[in-house]
Protein backbone atom coordinates (compact mmCIF):
# COMPACT_ATOMS: atom_id res chain seq x y z
CA MET A 1 13.77 -37.96 -24.43
CA PRO A 2 14.59 -40.38 -27.31
CA ILE A 3 14.48 -38.95 -30.85
CA THR A 4 12.02 -41.08 -32.17
CA GLU A 5 9.55 -39.14 -29.91
CA ILE A 6 10.20 -36.03 -31.97
CA LEU A 7 9.13 -37.95 -35.24
CA SER A 8 6.02 -39.27 -33.62
CA ARG A 9 5.03 -35.76 -32.23
CA ASN A 10 5.57 -34.32 -35.84
CA ALA A 11 3.39 -36.86 -37.27
CA GLU A 12 0.72 -36.11 -34.66
CA MET A 13 0.71 -32.30 -35.15
CA TYR A 14 1.77 -31.77 -38.70
CA GLY A 15 0.80 -35.25 -40.28
CA GLN A 16 -0.54 -33.98 -43.85
CA GLU A 17 2.41 -31.39 -44.33
CA ILE A 18 5.32 -32.34 -46.46
CA CYS A 19 8.67 -32.89 -44.40
CA LEU A 20 11.13 -34.45 -47.11
CA THR A 21 11.49 -33.97 -50.74
CA GLU A 22 13.98 -35.86 -52.90
CA ILE A 23 15.16 -34.39 -55.94
CA ASN A 24 17.50 -35.75 -58.77
CA LEU A 25 18.31 -33.59 -61.43
CA ASP A 26 20.28 -36.01 -63.57
CA LEU A 27 18.99 -39.57 -63.56
CA GLN A 28 21.43 -40.49 -66.45
CA GLU A 29 24.30 -39.99 -64.01
CA SER A 30 22.48 -41.92 -61.27
CA HIS A 31 21.83 -44.72 -63.63
CA HIS A 32 21.51 -47.31 -60.95
CA VAL A 33 18.92 -45.55 -59.22
CA ILE A 34 15.41 -47.10 -60.03
CA TRP A 35 12.50 -46.47 -57.72
CA ARG A 36 8.83 -46.98 -58.59
CA GLU A 37 7.52 -44.10 -56.93
CA TYR A 38 9.47 -41.44 -58.90
CA GLU A 39 7.13 -39.14 -60.65
CA LEU A 40 8.11 -37.22 -63.76
CA ILE A 41 7.73 -33.54 -63.16
CA GLU A 42 4.81 -32.12 -65.59
CA ASN A 43 6.04 -30.71 -68.60
CA ASN A 44 9.77 -31.31 -68.09
CA PRO A 45 11.52 -33.00 -71.03
CA ALA A 46 14.95 -32.93 -69.33
CA GLY A 47 13.62 -35.82 -67.05
CA GLU A 48 13.76 -34.13 -63.63
CA TYR A 49 12.23 -36.45 -61.01
CA ARG A 50 10.88 -35.50 -57.49
CA ARG A 51 9.36 -37.42 -54.68
CA GLU A 52 7.56 -36.05 -51.54
CA MET A 53 7.02 -37.41 -48.10
CA THR A 54 4.48 -36.26 -45.37
CA TRP A 55 5.38 -36.34 -41.49
CA ARG A 56 2.58 -39.08 -41.22
CA VAL A 57 3.95 -41.31 -44.07
CA PHE A 58 7.48 -40.80 -42.60
CA ASP A 59 6.38 -41.93 -39.21
CA GLU A 60 4.41 -44.91 -40.73
CA LYS A 61 7.34 -46.12 -42.86
CA ALA A 62 9.51 -45.93 -39.61
CA ASN A 63 6.93 -47.80 -37.77
CA ARG A 64 6.71 -50.74 -40.40
CA MET A 65 10.26 -51.01 -40.57
CA ALA A 66 10.66 -51.45 -36.97
CA ASN A 67 7.80 -54.02 -36.81
CA LEU A 68 9.48 -55.87 -39.76
CA LEU A 69 12.80 -56.10 -37.53
CA LEU A 70 10.90 -57.16 -34.44
CA LYS A 71 9.18 -60.02 -36.44
CA ARG A 72 12.57 -61.03 -37.65
CA GLY A 73 13.57 -61.63 -34.05
CA ILE A 74 15.79 -58.60 -33.93
CA LYS A 75 15.91 -57.21 -30.44
CA LYS A 76 16.93 -54.26 -28.48
CA GLY A 77 20.64 -53.63 -28.85
CA ASP A 78 20.88 -55.70 -32.03
CA LYS A 79 22.80 -53.74 -34.93
CA VAL A 80 21.20 -53.01 -38.12
CA ALA A 81 23.25 -51.25 -40.95
CA ILE A 82 22.21 -49.00 -43.76
CA LEU A 83 24.05 -48.82 -47.08
CA LEU A 84 22.07 -46.60 -49.20
CA MET A 85 22.63 -43.52 -51.26
CA ASN A 86 20.68 -40.49 -50.10
CA CYS A 87 17.22 -41.23 -50.74
CA LEU A 88 13.56 -40.77 -49.48
CA GLU A 89 13.89 -44.04 -47.96
CA TRP A 90 17.01 -43.46 -45.89
CA LEU A 91 15.57 -41.68 -42.86
CA PRO A 92 12.43 -43.74 -42.44
CA ILE A 93 14.75 -46.74 -42.21
CA TYR A 94 17.14 -45.24 -39.84
CA PHE A 95 14.29 -44.21 -37.56
CA GLY A 96 12.59 -47.69 -37.98
CA ILE A 97 15.78 -49.16 -36.59
CA LEU A 98 15.79 -46.91 -33.54
CA LYS A 99 12.07 -47.55 -32.91
CA ALA A 100 12.73 -51.25 -32.84
CA GLY A 101 15.21 -50.61 -29.86
CA ALA A 102 18.08 -51.72 -32.42
CA ILE A 103 21.35 -49.89 -33.05
CA ALA A 104 21.45 -47.97 -36.55
CA VAL A 105 24.77 -48.54 -38.43
CA PRO A 106 25.08 -46.15 -41.39
CA LEU A 107 27.83 -47.11 -43.72
CA ASN A 108 29.85 -44.98 -46.13
CA PHE A 109 28.55 -45.48 -49.69
CA ARG A 110 32.09 -45.24 -51.09
CA TYR A 111 33.42 -48.28 -48.95
CA THR A 112 35.01 -51.12 -51.15
CA ALA A 113 33.43 -54.54 -50.55
CA GLU A 114 36.18 -55.37 -48.20
CA GLU A 115 35.69 -52.31 -46.16
CA ILE A 116 31.95 -52.95 -45.81
CA LYS A 117 32.89 -56.46 -44.73
CA TYR A 118 35.25 -55.08 -42.05
CA CYS A 119 32.78 -52.67 -40.73
CA LEU A 120 29.88 -55.04 -40.62
CA GLU A 121 32.03 -57.43 -38.54
CA LEU A 122 33.41 -54.70 -36.33
CA SER A 123 29.91 -53.37 -35.51
CA ASP A 124 28.45 -56.89 -35.03
CA THR A 125 25.71 -56.24 -37.43
CA ILE A 126 23.06 -59.05 -38.06
CA ALA A 127 20.93 -57.37 -40.59
CA LEU A 128 21.77 -54.79 -43.47
CA VAL A 129 19.40 -52.77 -45.69
CA PHE A 130 21.01 -51.69 -48.98
CA GLY A 131 20.37 -50.25 -52.35
CA PRO A 132 20.86 -50.97 -56.16
CA GLU A 133 24.18 -49.37 -56.22
CA PHE A 134 25.92 -52.00 -53.78
CA ILE A 135 24.34 -55.19 -55.43
CA GLY A 136 28.13 -55.95 -56.91
CA ARG A 137 29.98 -55.04 -53.77
CA LEU A 138 27.63 -57.18 -51.55
CA GLU A 139 27.55 -60.26 -54.08
CA SER A 140 31.27 -60.42 -53.73
CA ILE A 141 31.09 -60.88 -50.08
CA TYR A 142 27.61 -62.02 -48.60
CA ASP A 143 28.80 -65.63 -48.44
CA GLN A 144 31.72 -64.24 -46.01
CA ILE A 145 29.42 -62.34 -43.72
CA PRO A 146 27.48 -65.11 -41.98
CA MET A 147 26.68 -62.93 -38.89
CA VAL A 148 24.43 -60.89 -41.14
CA ARG A 149 21.34 -63.05 -40.82
CA THR A 150 19.02 -60.89 -43.02
CA LEU A 151 19.58 -58.77 -46.14
CA PHE A 152 16.92 -56.20 -47.15
CA TYR A 153 17.16 -54.92 -50.62
CA ALA A 154 15.59 -51.51 -51.05
CA GLY A 155 14.70 -51.07 -54.90
CA GLU A 156 13.78 -53.01 -58.04
CA ASN A 157 15.63 -56.10 -59.68
CA ARG A 158 16.19 -57.79 -56.38
CA PRO A 159 19.28 -59.94 -56.27
CA THR A 160 18.57 -63.56 -55.16
CA PHE A 161 20.53 -63.19 -52.23
CA ALA A 162 18.43 -60.47 -50.53
CA GLU A 163 14.85 -59.96 -49.53
CA SER A 164 12.52 -57.07 -50.63
CA TYR A 165 12.31 -54.20 -48.37
CA ASP A 166 9.38 -52.79 -50.06
CA ARG A 167 7.26 -55.80 -50.05
CA LEU A 168 8.06 -56.91 -46.51
CA THR A 169 7.44 -53.52 -44.94
CA ALA A 170 4.15 -53.19 -46.89
CA ASN A 171 2.84 -56.17 -44.95
CA CYS A 172 3.83 -54.93 -41.67
CA SER A 173 1.82 -52.71 -39.27
CA SER A 174 2.08 -49.11 -39.43
CA GLU A 175 1.48 -48.58 -35.61
CA ALA A 176 4.41 -47.90 -33.34
CA PRO A 177 5.78 -50.71 -31.60
CA GLN A 178 5.83 -50.79 -27.83
CA ILE A 179 9.56 -50.72 -27.28
CA ALA A 180 10.59 -48.69 -24.21
CA LEU A 181 13.65 -46.31 -25.05
CA SER A 182 15.62 -44.35 -22.53
CA ASP A 183 18.24 -41.55 -23.17
CA GLU A 184 21.01 -43.76 -21.97
CA ASP A 185 20.12 -46.59 -24.26
CA ASP A 186 22.71 -47.29 -27.35
CA ALA A 187 21.32 -45.72 -30.64
CA ALA A 188 23.74 -45.64 -33.35
CA ILE A 189 27.21 -46.48 -34.48
CA TYR A 190 29.00 -44.08 -36.88
CA PHE A 191 32.48 -44.69 -38.56
CA SER A 192 35.37 -42.43 -38.41
CA SER A 193 36.71 -41.17 -41.71
CA GLY A 194 39.25 -43.90 -41.88
CA THR A 195 42.00 -41.51 -43.32
CA THR A 196 44.75 -43.36 -41.61
CA GLY A 197 43.61 -46.91 -41.98
CA PHE A 198 40.40 -48.82 -41.43
CA PRO A 199 37.78 -46.75 -39.47
CA LYS A 200 36.88 -46.82 -35.86
CA ALA A 201 33.34 -47.67 -34.62
CA ILE A 202 31.85 -44.72 -32.75
CA LEU A 203 28.77 -45.65 -30.43
CA HIS A 204 26.50 -42.94 -29.50
CA THR A 205 23.44 -43.18 -27.31
CA HIS A 206 19.93 -41.67 -27.64
CA LYS A 207 20.99 -38.72 -25.52
CA SER A 208 23.82 -37.99 -28.01
CA LEU A 209 21.39 -37.80 -30.89
CA MET A 210 18.66 -35.61 -28.79
CA SER A 211 21.52 -33.14 -27.81
CA ALA A 212 22.39 -32.69 -31.64
CA CYS A 213 18.60 -31.73 -32.35
CA ILE A 214 18.90 -29.03 -29.50
CA THR A 215 22.33 -27.63 -30.07
CA GLU A 216 21.73 -27.41 -34.07
CA ASN A 217 18.41 -25.77 -33.44
CA LYS A 218 19.73 -23.46 -30.77
CA HIS A 219 22.65 -22.15 -33.32
CA HIS A 220 20.62 -21.61 -36.38
CA GLY A 221 17.17 -20.92 -35.22
CA GLN A 222 15.17 -23.34 -37.37
CA THR A 223 11.34 -22.53 -37.30
CA ARG A 224 8.38 -24.16 -39.04
CA GLU A 225 8.98 -21.60 -41.96
CA ASP A 226 12.45 -23.07 -42.87
CA ASN A 227 13.35 -25.50 -45.53
CA PHE A 228 16.85 -27.00 -45.24
CA LEU A 229 18.80 -28.20 -48.27
CA CYS A 230 20.63 -31.37 -47.43
CA ILE A 231 23.39 -32.38 -49.89
CA PRO A 232 26.05 -34.34 -48.06
CA PRO A 233 25.71 -37.89 -47.25
CA LEU A 234 23.28 -39.03 -44.63
CA TYR A 235 25.62 -41.82 -43.36
CA HIS A 236 27.80 -39.07 -41.96
CA THR A 237 26.92 -37.18 -38.80
CA GLY A 238 27.34 -33.80 -40.39
CA ALA A 239 24.40 -33.74 -42.70
CA LYS A 240 22.00 -35.70 -40.44
CA MET A 241 22.81 -33.74 -37.45
CA HIS A 242 22.11 -30.53 -39.17
CA TRP A 243 18.71 -31.69 -40.37
CA PHE A 244 18.05 -32.82 -36.68
CA GLY A 245 17.34 -29.07 -36.12
CA SER A 246 14.83 -29.13 -38.63
CA LEU A 247 13.19 -32.27 -37.29
CA LEU A 248 13.01 -30.49 -33.84
CA ALA A 249 11.25 -27.59 -35.52
CA GLY A 250 8.82 -29.67 -37.57
CA SER A 251 10.29 -27.93 -40.81
CA LYS A 252 11.06 -29.10 -44.30
CA ALA A 253 13.98 -30.32 -46.00
CA VAL A 254 15.25 -31.42 -49.35
CA LEU A 255 17.47 -34.05 -50.17
CA LEU A 256 19.40 -33.11 -53.42
CA ARG A 257 21.21 -35.92 -55.18
CA GLY A 258 24.17 -34.10 -56.94
CA ILE A 259 26.37 -30.97 -56.00
CA LYS A 260 26.69 -29.19 -59.42
CA PRO A 261 26.55 -25.46 -58.77
CA GLU A 262 23.48 -24.99 -61.08
CA TRP A 263 21.69 -27.72 -59.49
CA ILE A 264 22.16 -26.12 -56.05
CA LEU A 265 20.99 -22.63 -56.92
CA LYS A 266 18.10 -24.21 -59.16
CA THR A 267 16.76 -26.08 -56.06
CA VAL A 268 17.20 -23.31 -53.65
CA SER A 269 15.14 -21.03 -56.20
CA GLU A 270 12.38 -23.53 -57.12
CA GLU A 271 11.95 -25.20 -53.50
CA LYS A 272 12.33 -21.85 -51.81
CA ILE A 273 15.19 -23.09 -49.45
CA THR A 274 15.93 -21.10 -46.55
CA ILE A 275 19.15 -22.97 -45.18
CA VAL A 276 22.09 -24.57 -47.09
CA TRP A 277 25.07 -26.55 -45.47
CA LEU A 278 28.01 -26.49 -47.77
CA LEU A 279 31.50 -27.92 -47.98
CA VAL A 280 34.22 -25.49 -48.97
CA PRO A 281 34.59 -27.05 -52.43
CA TRP A 282 31.08 -26.76 -53.19
CA ALA A 283 30.89 -22.89 -52.04
CA GLN A 284 34.14 -22.49 -54.11
CA ASP A 285 32.46 -24.22 -57.26
CA ILE A 286 29.45 -21.80 -56.80
CA LEU A 287 31.67 -18.84 -56.57
CA ASP A 288 33.78 -19.64 -59.57
CA ALA A 289 30.63 -20.43 -61.76
CA ILE A 290 29.46 -16.93 -60.96
CA ASP A 291 32.81 -15.26 -61.63
CA SER A 292 32.93 -16.97 -64.99
CA GLY A 293 29.52 -16.09 -65.87
CA GLU A 294 28.38 -19.64 -66.15
CA LEU A 295 25.82 -18.98 -63.42
CA LYS A 296 23.73 -15.57 -63.36
CA LEU A 297 22.10 -14.93 -60.15
CA GLU A 298 19.47 -13.01 -61.70
CA ASP A 299 18.34 -16.24 -63.03
CA TYR A 300 17.27 -17.51 -59.92
CA ASP A 301 14.86 -16.44 -56.79
CA LEU A 302 17.14 -16.70 -54.04
CA SER A 303 15.11 -14.34 -51.64
CA ARG A 304 14.21 -16.77 -49.02
CA TRP A 305 17.67 -18.16 -48.52
CA ARG A 306 18.85 -16.77 -45.14
CA LEU A 307 21.81 -18.89 -44.03
CA MET A 308 24.72 -20.30 -45.44
CA HIS A 309 26.96 -22.45 -43.13
CA ILE A 310 30.04 -24.57 -43.52
CA GLY A 311 31.47 -27.36 -41.64
CA ALA A 312 34.05 -30.53 -41.91
CA GLN A 313 37.15 -28.49 -42.67
CA PRO A 314 38.83 -25.15 -41.99
CA VAL A 315 37.19 -22.34 -43.78
CA PRO A 316 39.47 -19.85 -45.65
CA PRO A 317 38.30 -16.17 -44.57
CA SER A 318 38.87 -15.26 -48.20
CA LEU A 319 36.20 -17.59 -49.39
CA ILE A 320 33.48 -16.06 -47.10
CA ARG A 321 34.74 -12.58 -48.36
CA ARG A 322 33.90 -13.66 -51.87
CA TRP A 323 30.64 -15.25 -50.79
CA LYS A 324 29.44 -11.97 -49.13
CA LYS A 325 30.27 -10.03 -52.10
CA TYR A 326 27.57 -12.05 -53.88
CA PHE A 327 25.20 -12.71 -51.06
CA PRO A 328 25.55 -9.73 -48.69
CA ASN A 329 22.24 -10.50 -46.82
CA HIS A 330 23.13 -14.20 -45.98
CA GLN A 331 23.72 -15.17 -42.41
CA TYR A 332 26.95 -17.18 -42.21
CA ASP A 333 28.24 -19.73 -39.60
CA THR A 334 31.26 -22.08 -39.24
CA ASN A 335 30.45 -25.35 -37.35
CA TYR A 336 33.25 -27.62 -35.92
CA GLY A 337 32.80 -31.19 -34.75
CA LEU A 338 33.66 -34.82 -35.05
CA SER A 339 31.80 -37.97 -35.43
CA GLU A 340 32.83 -38.63 -31.86
CA SER A 341 31.17 -35.46 -30.79
CA ILE A 342 27.91 -36.28 -32.79
CA GLY A 343 29.04 -34.09 -35.81
CA PRO A 344 28.66 -30.45 -35.94
CA GLY A 345 28.07 -27.89 -33.16
CA CYS A 346 30.45 -28.53 -30.16
CA VAL A 347 32.27 -25.42 -31.33
CA HIS A 348 30.68 -22.73 -33.83
CA LEU A 349 31.53 -19.24 -35.08
CA GLY A 350 27.82 -17.97 -34.32
CA VAL A 351 25.93 -16.06 -37.15
CA GLU A 352 26.64 -12.72 -35.10
CA ASN A 353 30.27 -13.34 -35.27
CA ILE A 354 31.07 -13.00 -38.84
CA HIS A 355 33.78 -10.43 -38.05
CA LYS A 356 35.85 -13.33 -36.68
CA VAL A 357 35.81 -15.53 -39.93
CA GLY A 358 38.59 -17.78 -39.77
CA ALA A 359 38.05 -18.96 -36.20
CA ILE A 360 36.00 -22.09 -35.78
CA GLY A 361 34.34 -20.12 -32.97
CA VAL A 362 33.33 -20.66 -29.27
CA PRO A 363 31.93 -23.50 -27.35
CA GLY A 364 28.51 -24.50 -28.77
CA TYR A 365 25.36 -24.70 -26.67
CA ASN A 366 25.56 -26.90 -24.00
CA TRP A 367 29.46 -27.54 -24.60
CA GLU A 368 32.79 -26.73 -22.94
CA THR A 369 36.33 -26.52 -24.41
CA MET A 370 39.79 -26.45 -23.42
CA ILE A 371 43.11 -26.24 -25.04
CA VAL A 372 45.93 -28.50 -23.54
CA ASP A 373 49.53 -29.21 -23.83
CA GLU A 374 51.00 -32.91 -24.21
CA ASN A 375 50.25 -33.67 -20.46
CA ARG A 376 46.65 -32.24 -20.88
CA GLN A 377 47.16 -29.30 -18.78
CA PRO A 378 45.67 -26.07 -19.97
CA VAL A 379 48.00 -23.77 -22.15
CA LYS A 380 48.09 -20.17 -21.83
CA GLN A 381 45.83 -17.92 -24.06
CA GLY A 382 47.28 -17.84 -27.48
CA GLU A 383 49.49 -20.64 -27.23
CA VAL A 384 48.90 -23.74 -29.51
CA GLY A 385 47.69 -26.99 -28.00
CA GLU A 386 45.32 -29.64 -28.39
CA LEU A 387 41.63 -28.97 -28.54
CA ALA A 388 39.43 -30.90 -26.00
CA VAL A 389 35.63 -30.83 -25.87
CA LYS A 390 32.97 -32.00 -23.31
CA GLY A 391 29.36 -31.92 -23.74
CA PRO A 392 26.19 -34.27 -24.05
CA GLY A 393 26.96 -35.42 -27.45
CA VAL A 394 30.48 -37.06 -26.64
CA MET A 395 30.44 -40.66 -27.84
CA LYS A 396 30.04 -43.47 -25.46
CA CYS A 397 33.36 -45.32 -26.72
CA TYR A 398 34.84 -46.59 -29.57
CA TYR A 399 32.87 -49.83 -29.99
CA LYS A 400 34.96 -52.93 -28.76
CA ASP A 401 38.23 -50.89 -28.62
CA PRO A 402 38.66 -49.84 -24.97
CA LYS A 403 42.52 -48.83 -25.72
CA ALA A 404 41.60 -46.49 -28.35
CA THR A 405 38.69 -44.96 -26.14
CA GLU A 406 40.97 -44.59 -23.21
CA ALA A 407 43.41 -42.50 -25.44
CA VAL A 408 40.88 -40.00 -26.08
CA LEU A 409 38.34 -39.99 -23.48
CA LYS A 410 38.96 -38.77 -19.78
CA ASP A 411 36.38 -37.62 -17.17
CA GLY A 412 34.06 -36.70 -19.95
CA TRP A 413 36.45 -34.69 -22.02
CA LEU A 414 37.04 -35.70 -25.76
CA PHE A 415 40.63 -34.95 -26.82
CA THR A 416 40.04 -34.16 -30.51
CA GLY A 417 43.67 -34.59 -32.13
CA ASP A 418 43.20 -31.11 -33.41
CA MET A 419 45.72 -28.32 -32.77
CA ALA A 420 44.12 -25.03 -31.84
CA ARG A 421 44.81 -21.64 -30.11
CA MET A 422 42.50 -19.15 -28.47
CA ASP A 423 42.68 -15.33 -29.22
CA GLU A 424 42.08 -12.62 -26.53
CA ASP A 425 38.42 -12.60 -27.23
CA GLY A 426 37.86 -16.28 -26.39
CA PHE A 427 37.62 -17.28 -30.12
CA ILE A 428 39.18 -20.71 -30.87
CA TYR A 429 41.23 -21.09 -34.21
CA LEU A 430 42.02 -24.40 -35.67
CA VAL A 431 45.63 -24.77 -36.46
CA ASP A 432 46.01 -28.31 -37.81
CA ARG A 433 45.54 -32.02 -37.08
CA LYS A 434 48.02 -33.23 -34.47
CA LYS A 435 49.34 -35.86 -36.96
CA ASP A 436 49.60 -33.32 -39.81
CA VAL A 437 52.13 -30.88 -38.05
CA ILE A 438 55.14 -30.78 -40.12
CA ILE A 439 58.65 -30.46 -38.10
CA SER A 440 60.96 -28.86 -40.30
CA GLY A 441 64.49 -28.03 -38.99
CA GLY A 442 63.10 -28.11 -35.41
CA GLU A 443 60.14 -25.69 -36.33
CA ASN A 444 56.47 -26.82 -36.21
CA LEU A 445 54.68 -26.08 -39.26
CA TYR A 446 50.95 -26.05 -39.42
CA PRO A 447 49.72 -26.85 -43.07
CA VAL A 448 46.28 -25.09 -42.54
CA GLN A 449 48.02 -21.63 -42.11
CA ILE A 450 49.93 -22.20 -45.24
CA GLU A 451 46.93 -23.43 -47.15
CA ASP A 452 44.82 -20.42 -46.08
CA PHE A 453 47.56 -18.13 -47.37
CA LEU A 454 47.83 -19.93 -50.80
CA ARG A 455 43.97 -19.94 -51.42
CA ALA A 456 44.01 -16.12 -51.55
CA HIS A 457 45.82 -16.65 -54.95
CA THR A 458 43.24 -15.88 -57.72
CA ALA A 459 44.31 -18.90 -59.80
CA ILE A 460 44.09 -21.49 -56.90
CA LYS A 461 40.92 -23.55 -56.69
CA ASP A 462 42.18 -25.90 -53.85
CA VAL A 463 45.38 -26.39 -52.10
CA ALA A 464 46.83 -29.01 -49.48
CA VAL A 465 50.28 -28.83 -47.67
CA ILE A 466 51.87 -31.90 -46.55
CA GLY A 467 55.25 -32.93 -45.03
CA LEU A 468 57.77 -34.72 -47.18
CA PRO A 469 60.94 -36.46 -45.98
CA ASP A 470 64.14 -34.22 -46.27
CA LYS A 471 67.68 -35.40 -45.20
CA ARG A 472 68.74 -32.06 -43.82
CA LEU A 473 65.70 -30.76 -42.21
CA GLY A 474 63.70 -33.89 -41.58
CA GLU A 475 60.66 -32.72 -43.32
CA ILE A 476 59.76 -30.09 -45.59
CA ALA A 477 56.45 -28.24 -46.66
CA ALA A 478 55.19 -29.33 -50.09
CA ALA A 479 51.93 -27.72 -51.38
CA ILE A 480 49.94 -29.67 -53.88
CA ILE A 481 47.91 -27.04 -55.91
CA GLU A 482 44.86 -27.49 -57.80
CA LEU A 483 44.18 -24.48 -60.15
CA LYS A 484 40.98 -23.14 -61.24
CA PRO A 485 39.87 -24.26 -64.68
CA GLY A 486 41.35 -22.22 -67.38
CA CYS A 487 43.99 -20.73 -65.22
CA THR A 488 47.67 -20.95 -65.38
CA CYS A 489 50.40 -20.43 -62.90
CA THR A 490 54.16 -21.61 -62.57
CA GLU A 491 56.20 -22.58 -59.68
CA LYS A 492 58.02 -19.27 -59.62
CA GLU A 493 54.74 -17.34 -59.28
CA ILE A 494 53.75 -19.18 -56.29
CA GLU A 495 57.36 -18.73 -54.71
CA ALA A 496 56.91 -14.79 -55.33
CA PHE A 497 53.33 -15.00 -54.02
CA CYS A 498 54.47 -16.67 -50.82
CA ALA A 499 57.38 -14.09 -50.23
CA PRO A 500 55.46 -12.15 -47.48
CA MET A 501 55.34 -15.25 -45.51
CA PRO A 502 58.19 -15.92 -42.93
CA ARG A 503 60.80 -17.92 -44.87
CA TYR A 504 60.57 -21.06 -42.53
CA LYS A 505 56.84 -21.40 -43.52
CA ARG A 506 57.01 -21.06 -47.24
CA PRO A 507 56.41 -24.39 -49.17
CA ARG A 508 59.68 -25.76 -50.45
CA LYS A 509 58.15 -27.79 -53.07
CA VAL A 510 55.08 -26.87 -55.33
CA ILE A 511 53.25 -29.69 -57.27
CA PHE A 512 50.33 -28.91 -59.55
CA ASP A 513 47.79 -31.75 -59.19
CA LYS A 514 44.25 -32.14 -58.07
CA VAL A 515 43.43 -32.13 -54.32
CA PRO A 516 41.74 -35.30 -53.23
CA ARG A 517 38.86 -34.89 -50.82
CA ASN A 518 36.56 -37.56 -49.17
CA PRO A 519 32.67 -37.25 -49.26
CA THR A 520 32.82 -35.02 -46.06
CA GLY A 521 35.15 -32.54 -47.63
CA LYS A 522 38.27 -33.40 -45.80
CA ILE A 523 41.62 -33.35 -47.85
CA GLU A 524 42.85 -36.95 -48.03
CA LYS A 525 46.32 -36.12 -47.11
CA PRO A 526 47.53 -39.85 -46.56
CA ARG A 527 46.62 -40.39 -50.23
CA LEU A 528 48.96 -37.47 -51.03
CA ARG A 529 51.80 -38.66 -48.82
CA GLU A 530 51.55 -42.06 -50.32
CA LYS A 531 51.68 -40.42 -53.92
CA TYR A 532 54.17 -37.98 -53.15
CA GLY A 533 56.65 -39.73 -50.94
CA VAL A 534 60.13 -40.31 -52.05
CA ALA A 535 59.22 -42.71 -54.89
CA GLY A 536 56.39 -40.53 -55.85
CA LEU A 537 58.53 -37.41 -56.12
CA VAL A 538 61.06 -39.34 -58.26
CA ALA A 539 58.35 -40.30 -60.52
CA ALA A 540 56.85 -36.72 -60.68
CA GLU A 541 60.45 -35.32 -61.46
CA THR A 542 60.88 -37.90 -64.40
CA GLN A 543 57.78 -36.90 -66.02
CA ARG A 544 58.61 -33.19 -65.99
């Protein structure tokens, strides 16, 4: 069943109920965001803004978008891109594209103009919906993308090179278009993180999207009583696929624009949030704010909050131990997935397995896993190999890239490029990305293991371990360490802290600096390698 039918069902069954709320707690920081529909919260001089949408309005807006596309000659299989910050318009536009039989192409809002152009060309996009934040970037390239026949602008102060999404959709029918969709029809193109160059275009079918609904709901048991707090960007598979569990249940969700710890707890308290998906840095920031006294839990009503789960990167066990200290009644889950496997859930810890924190878990609902050697043969239990996954959410292909597709897909198995091992109980532990493994003096070093060890240091907020060239050993492990605000630490203290580790695993270089992460929370190690290559190290030493 295509996922659009779930939206139509919800509109029919729960039409007058609120399904989405958008909250922006600091419009001054989001100065480009100007929407006519914002309403000032009564008696709130701080300028907090809040918008709501019912299931019926959601469905009608999706239908209007679909009918607009059809009027413009966009047909089944055509590509329509979305370049918006998280907002109330995002999901109706996405579902409108799907209802028209077109393929939705969400774009990373941090892309440069050149990256936007590259992704539009790669995906064969012929129409684009964009918001106020992107006027400058699109103005610089719109005459270089002739294949994009139509640019729809969602917001006020429309640029001359685009048409008004608001005005045009208002004049379109709110009735569902009669476009036949099947599970095997192409539905969406998502882009890989692009941490090793320009991103790949990942093609998914309606079957993939529907499988994400089922898997997510099975894992976290969303019911009509739940309210999901969505903070990560909707262009990425992670946030949206977790929300798909709420879609299936017909339950509420809140889109929070901003990630300050006090904003998160305030929203959980005032909106009666029950489920929050966080990235590791955000969870750390909340805990640090509580530790420092900046946040006081007694100031918030968090009684409805039942589940906190994390995805997108390895989760340090020490972080969850700290979390349970302050939130002992929370269920917890770790989610593992890739955009190629429709985001989260192909492997997950399971709320009943918190005693195994540190593992990414076991195969998700309707998924299979195996760990293989370089010849793609299963390794013995306990040995490190490449993780492969198989299930209904595996991508159809890398769009227009058969060579790259052939490299990772075989007989329905997706070879993830992640190195992992399985313990005696069948739980999978992520060791590292295949390309991030450091070979030092003939020994394989897995940066994630070293990073997890270092994060237990009370002064360390974040850490990234990378390989740097060395004449004698080939590579050495270098630890880039970001300290907590107000904390101090020396290289010698780090060396002493690492003394219990096997000598060959200890970082041979310690650098104090900020650890860069992309919008999905992954450490941007290519940036660090570029910064602290041979030339970078010379510069760093000169500045000491």
